[in-house]
PDB file of N, CA and C in Angstrom:
ATOM      1  N   UNK A   1     121.684  64.576 153.831  1.00  0.00           N
ATOM      2  CA  UNK A   1     120.899  65.718 154.235  1.00  0.00           C
ATOM      3  C   UNK A   1     121.638  67.035 153.975  1.00  0.00           C
ATOM      4  N   UNK A   2     122.902  67.038 154.144  1.00  0.00           N
ATOM      5  CA  UNK A   2     123.681  68.244 153.968  1.00  0.00           C
ATOM      6  C   UNK A   2     123.626  68.729 152.524  1.00  0.00           C
ATOM      7  N   UNK A   3     123.685  67.759 151.595  1.00  0.00           N
ATOM      8  CA  UNK A   3     123.621  68.157 150.183  1.00  0.00           C
ATOM      9  C   UNK A   3     122.270  68.766 149.839  1.00  0.00           C
ATOM     10  N   UNK A   4     121.197  68.190 150.302  1.00  0.00           N
ATOM     11  CA  UNK A   4     119.870  68.716 149.977  1.00  0.00           C
ATOM     12  C   UNK A   4     119.663  70.089 150.606  1.00  0.00           C
ATOM     13  N   UNK A   5     120.198  70.300 151.811  1.00  0.00           N
ATOM     14  CA  UNK A   5     120.112  71.629 152.429  1.00  0.00           C
ATOM     15  C   UNK A   5     120.908  72.648 151.614  1.00  0.00           C
ATOM     16  N   UNK A   6     122.029  72.219 151.128  1.00  0.00           N
ATOM     17  CA  UNK A   6     122.873  73.098 150.311  1.00  0.00           C
ATOM     18  C   UNK A   6     122.128  73.526 149.037  1.00  0.00           C
ATOM     19  N   UNK A   7     121.529  72.566 148.331  1.00  0.00           N
ATOM     20  CA  UNK A   7     120.806  72.870 147.091  1.00  0.00           C
ATOM     21  C   UNK A   7     119.546  73.689 147.375  1.00  0.00           C
ATOM     22  N   UNK A   8     118.862  73.404 148.449  1.00  0.00           N
ATOM     23  CA  UNK A   8     117.667  74.172 148.809  1.00  0.00           C
ATOM     24  C   UNK A   8     118.044  75.617 149.128  1.00  0.00           C
ATOM     25  N   UNK A   9     119.136  75.792 149.857  1.00  0.00           N
ATOM     26  CA  UNK A   9     119.604  77.137 150.178  1.00  0.00           C
ATOM     27  C   UNK A   9     120.035  77.898 148.940  1.00  0.00           C
ATOM     28  N   UNK A  10     120.694  77.186 148.040  1.00  0.00           N
ATOM     29  CA  UNK A  10     121.118  77.804 146.788  1.00  0.00           C
ATOM     30  C   UNK A  10     119.914  78.224 145.942  1.00  0.00           C
ATOM     31  N   UNK A  11     118.908  77.378 145.870  1.00  0.00           N
ATOM     32  CA  UNK A  11     117.699  77.698 145.107  1.00  0.00           C
ATOM     33  C   UNK A  11     116.966  78.880 145.727  1.00  0.00           C
ATOM     34  N   UNK A  12     116.841  78.879 147.048  1.00  0.00           N
ATOM     35  CA  UNK A  12     116.158  79.980 147.731  1.00  0.00           C
ATOM     36  C   UNK A  12     116.929  81.286 147.548  1.00  0.00           C
ATOM     37  N   UNK A  13     118.244  81.224 147.678  1.00  0.00           N
ATOM     38  CA  UNK A  13     119.063  82.420 147.489  1.00  0.00           C
ATOM     39  C   UNK A  13     118.963  82.967 146.077  1.00  0.00           C
ATOM     40  N   UNK A  14     118.976  82.078 145.097  1.00  0.00           N
ATOM     41  CA  UNK A  14     118.844  82.510 143.696  1.00  0.00           C
ATOM     42  C   UNK A  14     117.496  83.160 143.452  1.00  0.00           C
ATOM     43  N   UNK A  15     116.455  82.566 144.015  1.00  0.00           N
ATOM     44  CA  UNK A  15     115.110  83.123 143.855  1.00  0.00           C
ATOM     45  C   UNK A  15     115.025  84.511 144.473  1.00  0.00           C
ATOM     46  N   UNK A  16     115.608  84.673 145.646  1.00  0.00           N
ATOM     47  CA  UNK A  16     115.589  85.982 146.296  1.00  0.00           C
ATOM     48  C   UNK A  16     116.374  87.017 145.495  1.00  0.00           C
ATOM     49  N   UNK A  17     117.518  86.632 144.951  1.00  0.00           N
ATOM     50  CA  UNK A  17     118.303  87.560 144.138  1.00  0.00           C
ATOM     51  C   UNK A  17     117.539  88.006 142.892  1.00  0.00           C
ATOM     52  N   UNK A  18     116.866  87.075 142.246  1.00  0.00           N
ATOM     53  CA  UNK A  18     116.075  87.422 141.063  1.00  0.00           C
ATOM     54  C   UNK A  18     114.927  88.341 141.456  1.00  0.00           C
ATOM     55  N   UNK A  19     114.262  88.046 142.571  1.00  0.00           N
ATOM     56  CA  UNK A  19     113.142  88.881 143.025  1.00  0.00           C
ATOM     57  C   UNK A  19     113.612  90.296 143.344  1.00  0.00           C
ATOM     58  N   UNK A  20     114.756  90.419 143.986  1.00  0.00           N
ATOM     59  CA  UNK A  20     115.293  91.745 144.313  1.00  0.00           C
ATOM     60  C   UNK A  20     115.672  92.495 143.041  1.00  0.00           C
ATOM     61  N   UNK A  21     116.283  91.797 142.101  1.00  0.00           N
ATOM     62  CA  UNK A  21     116.672  92.433 140.839  1.00  0.00           C
ATOM     63  C   UNK A  21     115.452  92.942 140.083  1.00  0.00           C
ATOM     64  N   UNK A  22     114.401  92.145 140.046  1.00  0.00           N
ATOM     65  CA  UNK A  22     113.179  92.555 139.344  1.00  0.00           C
ATOM     66  C   UNK A  22     112.524  93.727 140.054  1.00  0.00           C
ATOM     67  N   UNK A  23     112.542  93.723 141.374  1.00  0.00           N
ATOM     68  CA  UNK A  23     111.908  94.794 142.135  1.00  0.00           C
ATOM     69  C   UNK A  23     112.649  96.119 142.000  1.00  0.00           C
ATOM     70  N   UNK A  24     113.963  96.075 141.798  1.00  0.00           N
ATOM     71  CA  UNK A  24     114.732  97.320 141.736  1.00  0.00           C
ATOM     72  C   UNK A  24     114.878  97.884 140.331  1.00  0.00           C
ATOM     73  N   UNK A  25     114.512  97.129 139.308  1.00  0.00           N
ATOM     74  CA  UNK A  25     114.591  97.632 137.935  1.00  0.00           C
ATOM     75  C   UNK A  25     113.513  98.698 137.759  1.00  0.00           C
ATOM     76  N   UNK A  26     113.894  99.877 137.297  1.00  0.00           N
ATOM     77  CA  UNK A  26     112.875 100.915 137.117  1.00  0.00           C
ATOM     78  C   UNK A  26     111.888 100.512 136.021  1.00  0.00           C
ATOM     79  N   UNK A  27     110.635 100.801 136.280  1.00  0.00           N
ATOM     80  CA  UNK A  27     109.616 100.463 135.287  1.00  0.00           C
ATOM     81  C   UNK A  27     109.685 101.442 134.121  1.00  0.00           C
ATOM     82  N   UNK A  28     109.297 100.986 132.968  1.00  0.00           N
ATOM     83  CA  UNK A  28     109.288 101.821 131.775  1.00  0.00           C
ATOM     84  C   UNK A  28     107.968 102.579 131.758  1.00  0.00           C
ATOM     85  N   UNK A  29     108.024 103.899 131.770  1.00  0.00           N
ATOM     86  CA  UNK A  29     106.767 104.646 131.752  1.00  0.00           C
ATOM     87  C   UNK A  29     106.046 104.443 130.423  1.00  0.00           C
ATOM     88  N   UNK A  30     104.718 104.452 130.453  1.00  0.00           N
ATOM     89  CA  UNK A  30     103.986 104.286 129.197  1.00  0.00           C
ATOM     90  C   UNK A  30     104.231 105.481 128.272  1.00  0.00           C
ATOM     91  N   UNK A  31     104.183 105.215 127.013  1.00  0.00           N
ATOM     92  CA  UNK A  31     104.385 106.280 126.032  1.00  0.00           C
ATOM     93  C   UNK A  31     103.242 107.285 126.133  1.00  0.00           C
ATOM     94  N   UNK A  32     103.559 108.538 125.914  1.00  0.00           N
ATOM     95  CA  UNK A  32     102.523 109.561 125.974  1.00  0.00           C
ATOM     96  C   UNK A  32     101.563 109.393 124.804  1.00  0.00           C
ATOM     97  N   UNK A  33     100.385 109.960 124.962  1.00  0.00           N
ATOM     98  CA  UNK A  33      99.382 109.876 123.897  1.00  0.00           C
ATOM     99  C   UNK A  33      99.908 110.517 122.619  1.00  0.00           C
ATOM    100  N   UNK A  34     100.649 111.610 122.761  1.00  0.00           N
ATOM    101  CA  UNK A  34     101.153 112.286 121.564  1.00  0.00           C
ATOM    102  C   UNK A  34     102.201 111.439 120.847  1.00  0.00           C
ATOM    103  N   UNK A  35     103.092 110.794 121.595  1.00  0.00           N
ATOM    104  CA  UNK A  35     104.102 109.968 120.921  1.00  0.00           C
ATOM    105  C   UNK A  35     103.454 108.749 120.266  1.00  0.00           C
ATOM    106  N   UNK A  36     102.415 108.200 120.889  1.00  0.00           N
ATOM    107  CA  UNK A  36     101.679 107.104 120.254  1.00  0.00           C
ATOM    108  C   UNK A  36     100.981 107.601 118.998  1.00  0.00           C
ATOM    109  N   UNK A  37     100.399 108.795 119.073  1.00  0.00           N
ATOM    110  CA  UNK A  37      99.703 109.366 117.917  1.00  0.00           C
ATOM    111  C   UNK A  37     100.682 109.611 116.770  1.00  0.00           C
ATOM    112  N   UNK A  38     101.886 110.070 117.092  1.00  0.00           N
ATOM    113  CA  UNK A  38     102.898 110.270 116.045  1.00  0.00           C
ATOM    114  C   UNK A  38     103.188 108.961 115.320  1.00  0.00           C
ATOM    115  N   UNK A  39     103.338 107.880 116.089  1.00  0.00           N
ATOM    116  CA  UNK A  39     103.610 106.574 115.471  1.00  0.00           C
ATOM    117  C   UNK A  39     102.429 106.105 114.629  1.00  0.00           C
ATOM    118  N   UNK A  40     101.212 106.336 115.108  1.00  0.00           N
ATOM    119  CA  UNK A  40     100.024 105.913 114.357  1.00  0.00           C
ATOM    120  C   UNK A  40      99.941 106.681 113.042  1.00  0.00           C
ATOM    121  N   UNK A  41     100.122 108.001 113.091  1.00  0.00           N
ATOM    122  CA  UNK A  41     100.052 108.814 111.868  1.00  0.00           C
ATOM    123  C   UNK A  41     101.153 108.414 110.891  1.00  0.00           C
ATOM    124  N   UNK A  42     102.356 108.241 111.388  1.00  0.00           N
ATOM    125  CA  UNK A  42     103.458 107.851 110.514  1.00  0.00           C
ATOM    126  C   UNK A  42     103.239 106.453 109.956  1.00  0.00           C
ATOM    127  N   UNK A  43     102.588 105.596 110.716  1.00  0.00           N
ATOM    128  CA  UNK A  43     102.262 104.262 110.226  1.00  0.00           C
ATOM    129  C   UNK A  43     101.281 104.288 109.067  1.00  0.00           C
ATOM    130  N   UNK A  44     100.504 105.364 108.974  1.00  0.00           N
ATOM    131  CA  UNK A  44      99.564 105.529 107.865  1.00  0.00           C
ATOM    132  C   UNK A  44     100.186 106.323 106.720  1.00  0.00           C
ATOM    133  N   UNK A  45     101.477 106.614 106.834  1.00  0.00           N
ATOM    134  CA  UNK A  45     102.172 107.322 105.757  1.00  0.00           C
ATOM    135  C   UNK A  45     102.083 108.829 105.849  1.00  0.00           C
ATOM    136  N   UNK A  46     101.673 109.338 106.983  1.00  0.00           N
ATOM    137  CA  UNK A  46     101.567 110.789 107.168  1.00  0.00           C
ATOM    138  C   UNK A  46     102.796 111.231 107.955  1.00  0.00           C
ATOM    139  N   UNK A  47     103.754 111.794 107.250  1.00  0.00           N
ATOM    140  CA  UNK A  47     105.021 112.201 107.860  1.00  0.00           C
ATOM    141  C   UNK A  47     104.906 113.607 108.438  1.00  0.00           C
ATOM    142  N   UNK A  48     105.872 113.956 109.294  1.00  0.00           N
ATOM    143  CA  UNK A  48     105.849 115.244 110.000  1.00  0.00           C
ATOM    144  C   UNK A  48     105.662 116.448 109.077  1.00  0.00           C
ATOM    145  N   UNK A  49     106.360 116.502 107.993  1.00  0.00           N
ATOM    146  CA  UNK A  49     106.323 117.684 107.127  1.00  0.00           C
ATOM    147  C   UNK A  49     105.206 117.618 106.092  1.00  0.00           C
ATOM    148  N   UNK A  50     104.401 116.577 106.117  1.00  0.00           N
ATOM    149  CA  UNK A  50     103.391 116.428 105.067  1.00  0.00           C
ATOM    150  C   UNK A  50     102.081 117.110 105.443  1.00  0.00           C
ATOM    151  N   UNK A  51     101.288 117.356 104.414  1.00  0.00           N
ATOM    152  CA  UNK A  51      99.971 117.957 104.625  1.00  0.00           C
ATOM    153  C   UNK A  51      99.106 116.982 105.411  1.00  0.00           C
ATOM    154  N   UNK A  52      98.387 117.497 106.370  1.00  0.00           N
ATOM    155  CA  UNK A  52      97.495 116.664 107.162  1.00  0.00           C
ATOM    156  C   UNK A  52      98.117 116.128 108.434  1.00  0.00           C
ATOM    157  N   UNK A  53      99.417 116.349 108.623  1.00  0.00           N
ATOM    158  CA  UNK A  53     100.080 115.791 109.804  1.00  0.00           C
ATOM    159  C   UNK A  53      99.525 116.390 111.093  1.00  0.00           C
ATOM    160  N   UNK A  54      99.410 117.710 111.143  1.00  0.00           N
ATOM    161  CA  UNK A  54      98.922 118.356 112.367  1.00  0.00           C
ATOM    162  C   UNK A  54      97.494 117.911 112.689  1.00  0.00           C
ATOM    163  N   UNK A  55      96.664 117.809 111.650  1.00  0.00           N
ATOM    164  CA  UNK A  55      95.289 117.351 111.859  1.00  0.00           C
ATOM    165  C   UNK A  55      95.298 115.923 112.399  1.00  0.00           C
ATOM    166  N   UNK A  56      96.062 115.056 111.755  1.00  0.00           N
ATOM    167  CA  UNK A  56      96.144 113.655 112.180  1.00  0.00           C
ATOM    168  C   UNK A  56      96.633 113.570 113.621  1.00  0.00           C
ATOM    169  N   UNK A  57      97.677 114.308 113.932  1.00  0.00           N
ATOM    170  CA  UNK A  57      98.256 114.269 115.269  1.00  0.00           C
ATOM    171  C   UNK A  57      97.257 114.732 116.324  1.00  0.00           C
ATOM    172  N   UNK A  58      96.561 115.830 116.073  1.00  0.00           N
ATOM    173  CA  UNK A  58      95.626 116.344 117.079  1.00  0.00           C
ATOM    174  C   UNK A  58      94.446 115.396 117.281  1.00  0.00           C
ATOM    175  N   UNK A  59      93.917 114.851 116.189  1.00  0.00           N
ATOM    176  CA  UNK A  59      92.755 113.972 116.304  1.00  0.00           C
ATOM    177  C   UNK A  59      93.109 112.631 116.949  1.00  0.00           C
ATOM    178  N   UNK A  60      94.228 112.045 116.562  1.00  0.00           N
ATOM    179  CA  UNK A  60      94.598 110.752 117.146  1.00  0.00           C
ATOM    180  C   UNK A  60      95.025 110.903 118.601  1.00  0.00           C
ATOM    181  N   UNK A  61      95.686 112.007 118.932  1.00  0.00           N
ATOM    182  CA  UNK A  61      96.050 112.251 120.331  1.00  0.00           C
ATOM    183  C   UNK A  61      94.800 112.347 121.188  1.00  0.00           C
ATOM    184  N   UNK A  62      93.818 113.092 120.721  1.00  0.00           N
ATOM    185  CA  UNK A  62      92.569 113.231 121.469  1.00  0.00           C
ATOM    186  C   UNK A  62      91.884 111.874 121.646  1.00  0.00           C
ATOM    187  N   UNK A  63      91.839 111.079 120.596  1.00  0.00           N
ATOM    188  CA  UNK A  63      91.203 109.758 120.689  1.00  0.00           C
ATOM    189  C   UNK A  63      91.942 108.865 121.684  1.00  0.00           C
ATOM    190  N   UNK A  64      93.264 108.934 121.694  1.00  0.00           N
ATOM    191  CA  UNK A  64      94.032 108.133 122.647  1.00  0.00           C
ATOM    192  C   UNK A  64      93.817 108.616 124.075  1.00  0.00           C
ATOM    193  N   UNK A  65      93.691 109.925 124.260  1.00  0.00           N
ATOM    194  CA  UNK A  65      93.408 110.455 125.595  1.00  0.00           C
ATOM    195  C   UNK A  65      92.033 110.011 126.082  1.00  0.00           C
ATOM    196  N   UNK A  66      91.120 109.778 125.161  1.00  0.00           N
ATOM    197  CA  UNK A  66      89.787 109.258 125.495  1.00  0.00           C
ATOM    198  C   UNK A  66      89.802 107.739 125.668  1.00  0.00           C
ATOM    199  N   UNK A  67      91.007 107.151 125.554  1.00  0.00           N
ATOM    200  CA  UNK A  67      91.173 105.694 125.638  1.00  0.00           C
ATOM    201  C   UNK A  67      90.412 104.977 124.529  1.00  0.00           C
ATOM    202  N   UNK A  68      90.493 105.527 123.323  1.00  0.00           N
ATOM    203  CA  UNK A  68      89.824 104.963 122.150  1.00  0.00           C
ATOM    204  C   UNK A  68      90.844 104.715 121.041  1.00  0.00           C
ATOM    205  N   UNK A  69      91.735 103.732 121.209  1.00  0.00           N
ATOM    206  CA  UNK A  69      92.764 103.503 120.188  1.00  0.00           C
ATOM    207  C   UNK A  69      92.191 103.126 118.828  1.00  0.00           C
ATOM    208  N   UNK A  70      91.060 102.432 118.804  1.00  0.00           N
ATOM    209  CA  UNK A  70      90.467 102.069 117.508  1.00  0.00           C
ATOM    210  C   UNK A  70      90.012 103.317 116.755  1.00  0.00           C
ATOM    211  N   UNK A  71      89.526 104.308 117.481  1.00  0.00           N
ATOM    212  CA  UNK A  71      89.136 105.573 116.860  1.00  0.00           C
ATOM    213  C   UNK A  71      90.376 106.321 116.367  1.00  0.00           C
ATOM    214  N   UNK A  72      91.461 106.252 117.126  1.00  0.00           N
ATOM    215  CA  UNK A  72      92.706 106.907 116.717  1.00  0.00           C
ATOM    216  C   UNK A  72      93.200 106.341 115.388  1.00  0.00           C
ATOM    217  N   UNK A  73      93.181 105.023 115.260  1.00  0.00           N
ATOM    218  CA  UNK A  73      93.612 104.401 114.002  1.00  0.00           C
ATOM    219  C   UNK A  73      92.666 104.768 112.862  1.00  0.00           C
ATOM    220  N   UNK A  74      91.364 104.814 113.146  1.00  0.00           N
ATOM    221  CA  UNK A  74      90.392 105.169 112.109  1.00  0.00           C
ATOM    222  C   UNK A  74      90.598 106.608 111.638  1.00  0.00           C
ATOM    223  N   UNK A  75      90.870 107.518 112.563  1.00  0.00           N
ATOM    224  CA  UNK A  75      91.085 108.923 112.196  1.00  0.00           C
ATOM    225  C   UNK A  75      92.378 109.103 111.401  1.00  0.00           C
ATOM    226  N   UNK A  76      93.412 108.373 111.771  1.00  0.00           N
ATOM    227  CA  UNK A  76      94.664 108.452 111.007  1.00  0.00           C
ATOM    228  C   UNK A  76      94.465 107.907 109.596  1.00  0.00           C
ATOM    229  N   UNK A  77      93.767 106.798 109.477  1.00  0.00           N
ATOM    230  CA  UNK A  77      93.492 106.214 108.155  1.00  0.00           C
ATOM    231  C   UNK A  77      92.631 107.172 107.331  1.00  0.00           C
ATOM    232  N   UNK A  78      91.651 107.801 107.982  1.00  0.00           N
ATOM    233  CA  UNK A  78      90.778 108.751 107.302  1.00  0.00           C
ATOM    234  C   UNK A  78      91.572 109.953 106.789  1.00  0.00           C
ATOM    235  N   UNK A  79      92.535 110.426 107.570  1.00  0.00           N
ATOM    236  CA  UNK A  79      93.367 111.546 107.135  1.00  0.00           C
ATOM    237  C   UNK A  79      94.203 111.155 105.919  1.00  0.00           C
ATOM    238  N   UNK A  80      94.772 109.955 105.952  1.00  0.00           N
ATOM    239  CA  UNK A  80      95.567 109.484 104.811  1.00  0.00           C
ATOM    240  C   UNK A  80      94.687 109.317 103.572  1.00  0.00           C
ATOM    241  N   UNK A  81      93.476 108.792 103.751  1.00  0.00           N
ATOM    242  CA  UNK A  81      92.556 108.634 102.618  1.00  0.00           C
ATOM    243  C   UNK A  81      92.154 109.993 102.043  1.00  0.00           C
ATOM    244  N   UNK A  82      91.944 110.969 102.922  1.00  0.00           N
ATOM    245  CA  UNK A  82      91.585 112.316 102.468  1.00  0.00           C
ATOM    246  C   UNK A  82      92.721 112.935 101.664  1.00  0.00           C
ATOM    247  N   UNK A  83      93.927 112.779 102.157  1.00  0.00           N
ATOM    248  CA  UNK A  83      95.102 113.290 101.436  1.00  0.00           C
ATOM    249  C   UNK A  83      95.213 112.643 100.058  1.00  0.00           C
ATOM    250  N   UNK A  84      95.018 111.320 100.011  1.00  0.00           N
ATOM    251  CA  UNK A  84      95.108 110.601  98.739  1.00  0.00           C
ATOM    252  C   UNK A  84      94.009 111.040  97.774  1.00  0.00           C
ATOM    253  N   UNK A  85      92.815 111.320  98.302  1.00  0.00           N
ATOM    254  CA  UNK A  85      91.716 111.776  97.448  1.00  0.00           C
ATOM    255  C   UNK A  85      92.053 113.128  96.824  1.00  0.00           C
ATOM    256  N   UNK A  86      92.632 114.019  97.608  1.00  0.00           N
ATOM    257  CA  UNK A  86      93.001 115.334  97.073  1.00  0.00           C
ATOM    258  C   UNK A  86      94.076 115.204  95.999  1.00  0.00           C
ATOM    259  N   UNK A  87      95.001 114.295  96.190  1.00  0.00           N
ATOM    260  CA  UNK A  87      96.012 114.045  95.151  1.00  0.00           C
ATOM    261  C   UNK A  87      95.355 113.476  93.897  1.00  0.00           C
ATOM    262  N   UNK A  88      94.374 112.597  94.089  1.00  0.00           N
ATOM    263  CA  UNK A  88      93.668 112.017  92.944  1.00  0.00           C
ATOM    264  C   UNK A  88      92.899 113.078  92.156  1.00  0.00           C
ATOM    265  N   UNK A  89      92.513 114.171  92.830  1.00  0.00           N
ATOM    266  CA  UNK A  89      91.836 115.272  92.139  1.00  0.00           C
ATOM    267  C   UNK A  89      92.821 116.089  91.313  1.00  0.00           C
ATOM    268  N   UNK A  90      94.099 115.776  91.418  1.00  0.00           N
ATOM    269  CA  UNK A  90      95.119 116.491  90.655  1.00  0.00           C
ATOM    270  C   UNK A  90      95.757 117.635  91.419  1.00  0.00           C
ATOM    271  N   UNK A  91      95.495 117.736  92.706  1.00  0.00           N
ATOM    272  CA  UNK A  91      96.065 118.810  93.512  1.00  0.00           C
ATOM    273  C   UNK A  91      97.399 118.368  94.096  1.00  0.00           C
ATOM    274  N   UNK A  92      98.296 119.312  94.234  1.00  0.00           N
ATOM    275  CA  UNK A  92      99.608 119.060  94.822  1.00  0.00           C
ATOM    276  C   UNK A  92      99.632 119.648  96.231  1.00  0.00           C
ATOM    277  N   UNK A  93     100.359 119.022  97.155  1.00  0.00           N
ATOM    278  CA  UNK A  93     100.402 119.520  98.538  1.00  0.00           C
ATOM    279  C   UNK A  93     100.886 120.958  98.674  1.00  0.00           C
ATOM    280  N   UNK A  94     101.609 121.473  97.686  1.00  0.00           N
ATOM    281  CA  UNK A  94     102.101 122.852  97.766  1.00  0.00           C
ATOM    282  C   UNK A  94     101.041 123.870  97.366  1.00  0.00           C
ATOM    283  N   UNK A  95      99.933 123.409  96.811  1.00  0.00           N
ATOM    284  CA  UNK A  95      98.880 124.317  96.344  1.00  0.00           C
ATOM    285  C   UNK A  95      97.957 124.706  97.500  1.00  0.00           C
ATOM    286  N   UNK A  96      97.466 125.946  97.452  1.00  0.00           N
ATOM    287  CA  UNK A  96      96.520 126.411  98.463  1.00  0.00           C
ATOM    288  C   UNK A  96      95.240 125.587  98.418  1.00  0.00           C
ATOM    289  N   UNK A  97      94.798 125.242  97.224  1.00  0.00           N
ATOM    290  CA  UNK A  97      93.573 124.457  97.090  1.00  0.00           C
ATOM    291  C   UNK A  97      93.703 123.078  97.733  1.00  0.00           C
ATOM    292  N   UNK A  98      94.921 122.581  97.839  1.00  0.00           N
ATOM    293  CA  UNK A  98      95.124 121.273  98.461  1.00  0.00           C
ATOM    294  C   UNK A  98      94.694 121.313  99.920  1.00  0.00           C
ATOM    295  N   UNK A  99      95.063 122.386 100.625  1.00  0.00           N
ATOM    296  CA  UNK A  99      94.686 122.512 102.040  1.00  0.00           C
ATOM    297  C   UNK A  99      93.168 122.598 102.178  1.00  0.00           C
ATOM    298  N   UNK A 100      92.517 123.369 101.313  1.00  0.00           N
ATOM    299  CA  UNK A 100      91.053 123.456 101.362  1.00  0.00           C
ATOM    300  C   UNK A 100      90.420 122.100 101.072  1.00  0.00           C
ATOM    301  N   UNK A 101      90.974 121.408 100.094  1.00  0.00           N
ATOM    302  CA  UNK A 101      90.478 120.077  99.752  1.00  0.00           C
ATOM    303  C   UNK A 101      90.631 119.138 100.943  1.00  0.00           C
ATOM    304  N   UNK A 102      91.787 119.185 101.582  1.00  0.00           N
ATOM    305  CA  UNK A 102      92.048 118.314 102.723  1.00  0.00           C
ATOM    306  C   UNK A 102      91.075 118.603 103.862  1.00  0.00           C
ATOM    307  N   UNK A 103      90.798 119.870 104.097  1.00  0.00           N
ATOM    308  CA  UNK A 103      89.837 120.232 105.143  1.00  0.00           C
ATOM    309  C   UNK A 103      88.445 119.704 104.816  1.00  0.00           C
ATOM    310  N   UNK A 104      88.018 119.865 103.563  1.00  0.00           N
ATOM    311  CA  UNK A 104      86.691 119.364 103.161  1.00  0.00           C
ATOM    312  C   UNK A 104      86.610 117.846 103.266  1.00  0.00           C
ATOM    313  N   UNK A 105      87.635 117.176 102.762  1.00  0.00           N
ATOM    314  CA  UNK A 105      87.631 115.708 102.765  1.00  0.00           C
ATOM    315  C   UNK A 105      87.661 115.144 104.185  1.00  0.00           C
ATOM    316  N   UNK A 106      88.514 115.707 105.038  1.00  0.00           N
ATOM    317  CA  UNK A 106      88.589 115.186 106.408  1.00  0.00           C
ATOM    318  C   UNK A 106      87.294 115.450 107.156  1.00  0.00           C
ATOM    319  N   UNK A 107      86.685 116.620 106.916  1.00  0.00           N
ATOM    320  CA  UNK A 107      85.415 116.909 107.584  1.00  0.00           C
ATOM    321  C   UNK A 107      84.338 115.925 107.131  1.00  0.00           C
ATOM    322  N   UNK A 108      84.202 115.745 105.828  1.00  0.00           N
ATOM    323  CA  UNK A 108      83.163 114.852 105.309  1.00  0.00           C
ATOM    324  C   UNK A 108      83.385 113.417 105.777  1.00  0.00           C
ATOM    325  N   UNK A 109      84.611 112.964 105.744  1.00  0.00           N
ATOM    326  CA  UNK A 109      84.900 111.584 106.153  1.00  0.00           C
ATOM    327  C   UNK A 109      84.765 111.406 107.660  1.00  0.00           C
ATOM    328  N   UNK A 110      85.057 112.443 108.431  1.00  0.00           N
ATOM    329  CA  UNK A 110      84.905 112.320 109.885  1.00  0.00           C
ATOM    330  C   UNK A 110      83.438 112.181 110.271  1.00  0.00           C
ATOM    331  N   UNK A 111      82.550 112.767 109.468  1.00  0.00           N
ATOM    332  CA  UNK A 111      81.122 112.624 109.745  1.00  0.00           C
ATOM    333  C   UNK A 111      80.694 111.163 109.644  1.00  0.00           C
ATOM    334  N   UNK A 112      81.294 110.441 108.720  1.00  0.00           N
ATOM    335  CA  UNK A 112      80.981 109.019 108.568  1.00  0.00           C
ATOM    336  C   UNK A 112      81.503 108.239 109.767  1.00  0.00           C
ATOM    337  N   UNK A 113      82.717 108.552 110.203  1.00  0.00           N
ATOM    338  CA  UNK A 113      83.289 107.848 111.358  1.00  0.00           C
ATOM    339  C   UNK A 113      82.453 108.100 112.599  1.00  0.00           C
ATOM    340  N   UNK A 114      82.110 109.361 112.843  1.00  0.00           N
ATOM    341  CA  UNK A 114      81.378 109.683 114.057  1.00  0.00           C
ATOM    342  C   UNK A 114      79.907 109.309 113.980  1.00  0.00           C
ATOM    343  N   UNK A 115      79.393 109.054 112.787  1.00  0.00           N
ATOM    344  CA  UNK A 115      77.999 108.613 112.694  1.00  0.00           C
ATOM    345  C   UNK A 115      77.851 107.189 113.214  1.00  0.00           C
ATOM    346  N   UNK A 116      78.954 106.444 113.284  1.00  0.00           N
ATOM    347  CA  UNK A 116      78.921 105.092 113.832  1.00  0.00           C
ATOM    348  C   UNK A 116      78.977 105.082 115.355  1.00  0.00           C
ATOM    349  N   UNK A 117      79.267 106.226 115.959  1.00  0.00           N
ATOM    350  CA  UNK A 117      79.352 106.313 117.407  1.00  0.00           C
ATOM    351  C   UNK A 117      77.951 106.280 118.009  1.00  0.00           C
ATOM    352  N   UNK A 118      77.756 105.553 119.113  1.00  0.00           N
ATOM    353  CA  UNK A 118      76.434 105.544 119.747  1.00  0.00           C
ATOM    354  C   UNK A 118      76.135 106.893 120.393  1.00  0.00           C
ATOM    355  N   UNK A 119      74.905 107.311 120.289  1.00  0.00           N
ATOM    356  CA  UNK A 119      74.462 108.559 120.910  1.00  0.00           C
ATOM    357  C   UNK A 119      73.288 108.241 121.826  1.00  0.00           C
ATOM    358  N   UNK A 120      73.360 108.729 123.035  1.00  0.00           N
ATOM    359  CA  UNK A 120      72.304 108.490 124.009  1.00  0.00           C
ATOM    360  C   UNK A 120      71.697 109.835 124.390  1.00  0.00           C
ATOM    361  N   UNK A 121      70.697 110.227 123.642  1.00  0.00           N
ATOM    362  CA  UNK A 121      70.076 111.523 123.898  1.00  0.00           C
ATOM    363  C   UNK A 121      69.071 111.447 125.038  1.00  0.00           C
ATOM    364  N   UNK A 122      68.416 110.326 125.157  1.00  0.00           N
ATOM    365  CA  UNK A 122      67.399 110.183 126.188  1.00  0.00           C
ATOM    366  C   UNK A 122      67.875 109.183 127.224  1.00  0.00           C
ATOM    367  N   UNK A 123      67.261 109.265 128.364  1.00  0.00           N
ATOM    368  CA  UNK A 123      67.613 108.322 129.414  1.00  0.00           C
ATOM    369  C   UNK A 123      67.199 106.921 128.968  1.00  0.00           C
ATOM    370  N   UNK A 124      68.095 105.970 129.096  1.00  0.00           N
ATOM    371  CA  UNK A 124      67.829 104.623 128.607  1.00  0.00           C
ATOM    372  C   UNK A 124      66.903 103.873 129.550  1.00  0.00           C
ATOM    373  N   UNK A 125      67.176 103.938 130.821  1.00  0.00           N
ATOM    374  CA  UNK A 125      66.350 103.215 131.800  1.00  0.00           C
ATOM    375  C   UNK A 125      65.489 104.211 132.566  1.00  0.00           C
ATOM    376  N   UNK A 126      64.292 103.827 132.863  1.00  0.00           N
ATOM    377  CA  UNK A 126      63.411 104.683 133.664  1.00  0.00           C
ATOM    378  C   UNK A 126      63.798 104.574 135.129  1.00  0.00           C
ATOM    379  N   UNK A 127      63.785 105.700 135.856  1.00  0.00           N
ATOM    380  CA  UNK A 127      64.168 105.654 137.283  1.00  0.00           C
ATOM    381  C   UNK A 127      63.117 104.978 138.136  1.00  0.00           C
TER     382      UNK A 127
END
């Protein structure tokens, strides 16, 4: 009986020590929407100093704040596609026309993304 009490006490003590250790470890705060947006934009190849970064960052941050991560990824991909389209037109990021092209492309492509969003103009159920 003494041995089993010893092992039971040891097991209980170990469990309590682990529980206390887990309870006292500070939790890791969730990443901010902006830091998540930075990672999403960079994951699509849009670096900090590149054209379209500020647009990508603002749009993906807003989507994450709305708790819409799928929209954030779609907007980042759309920004990268718009940038690539402007390059395909023969424009260079240092050219003024590149910025105008990027604005036109992102606007046109965003209309396609947002056209997939449900819109409820009228009351769905009658009172």
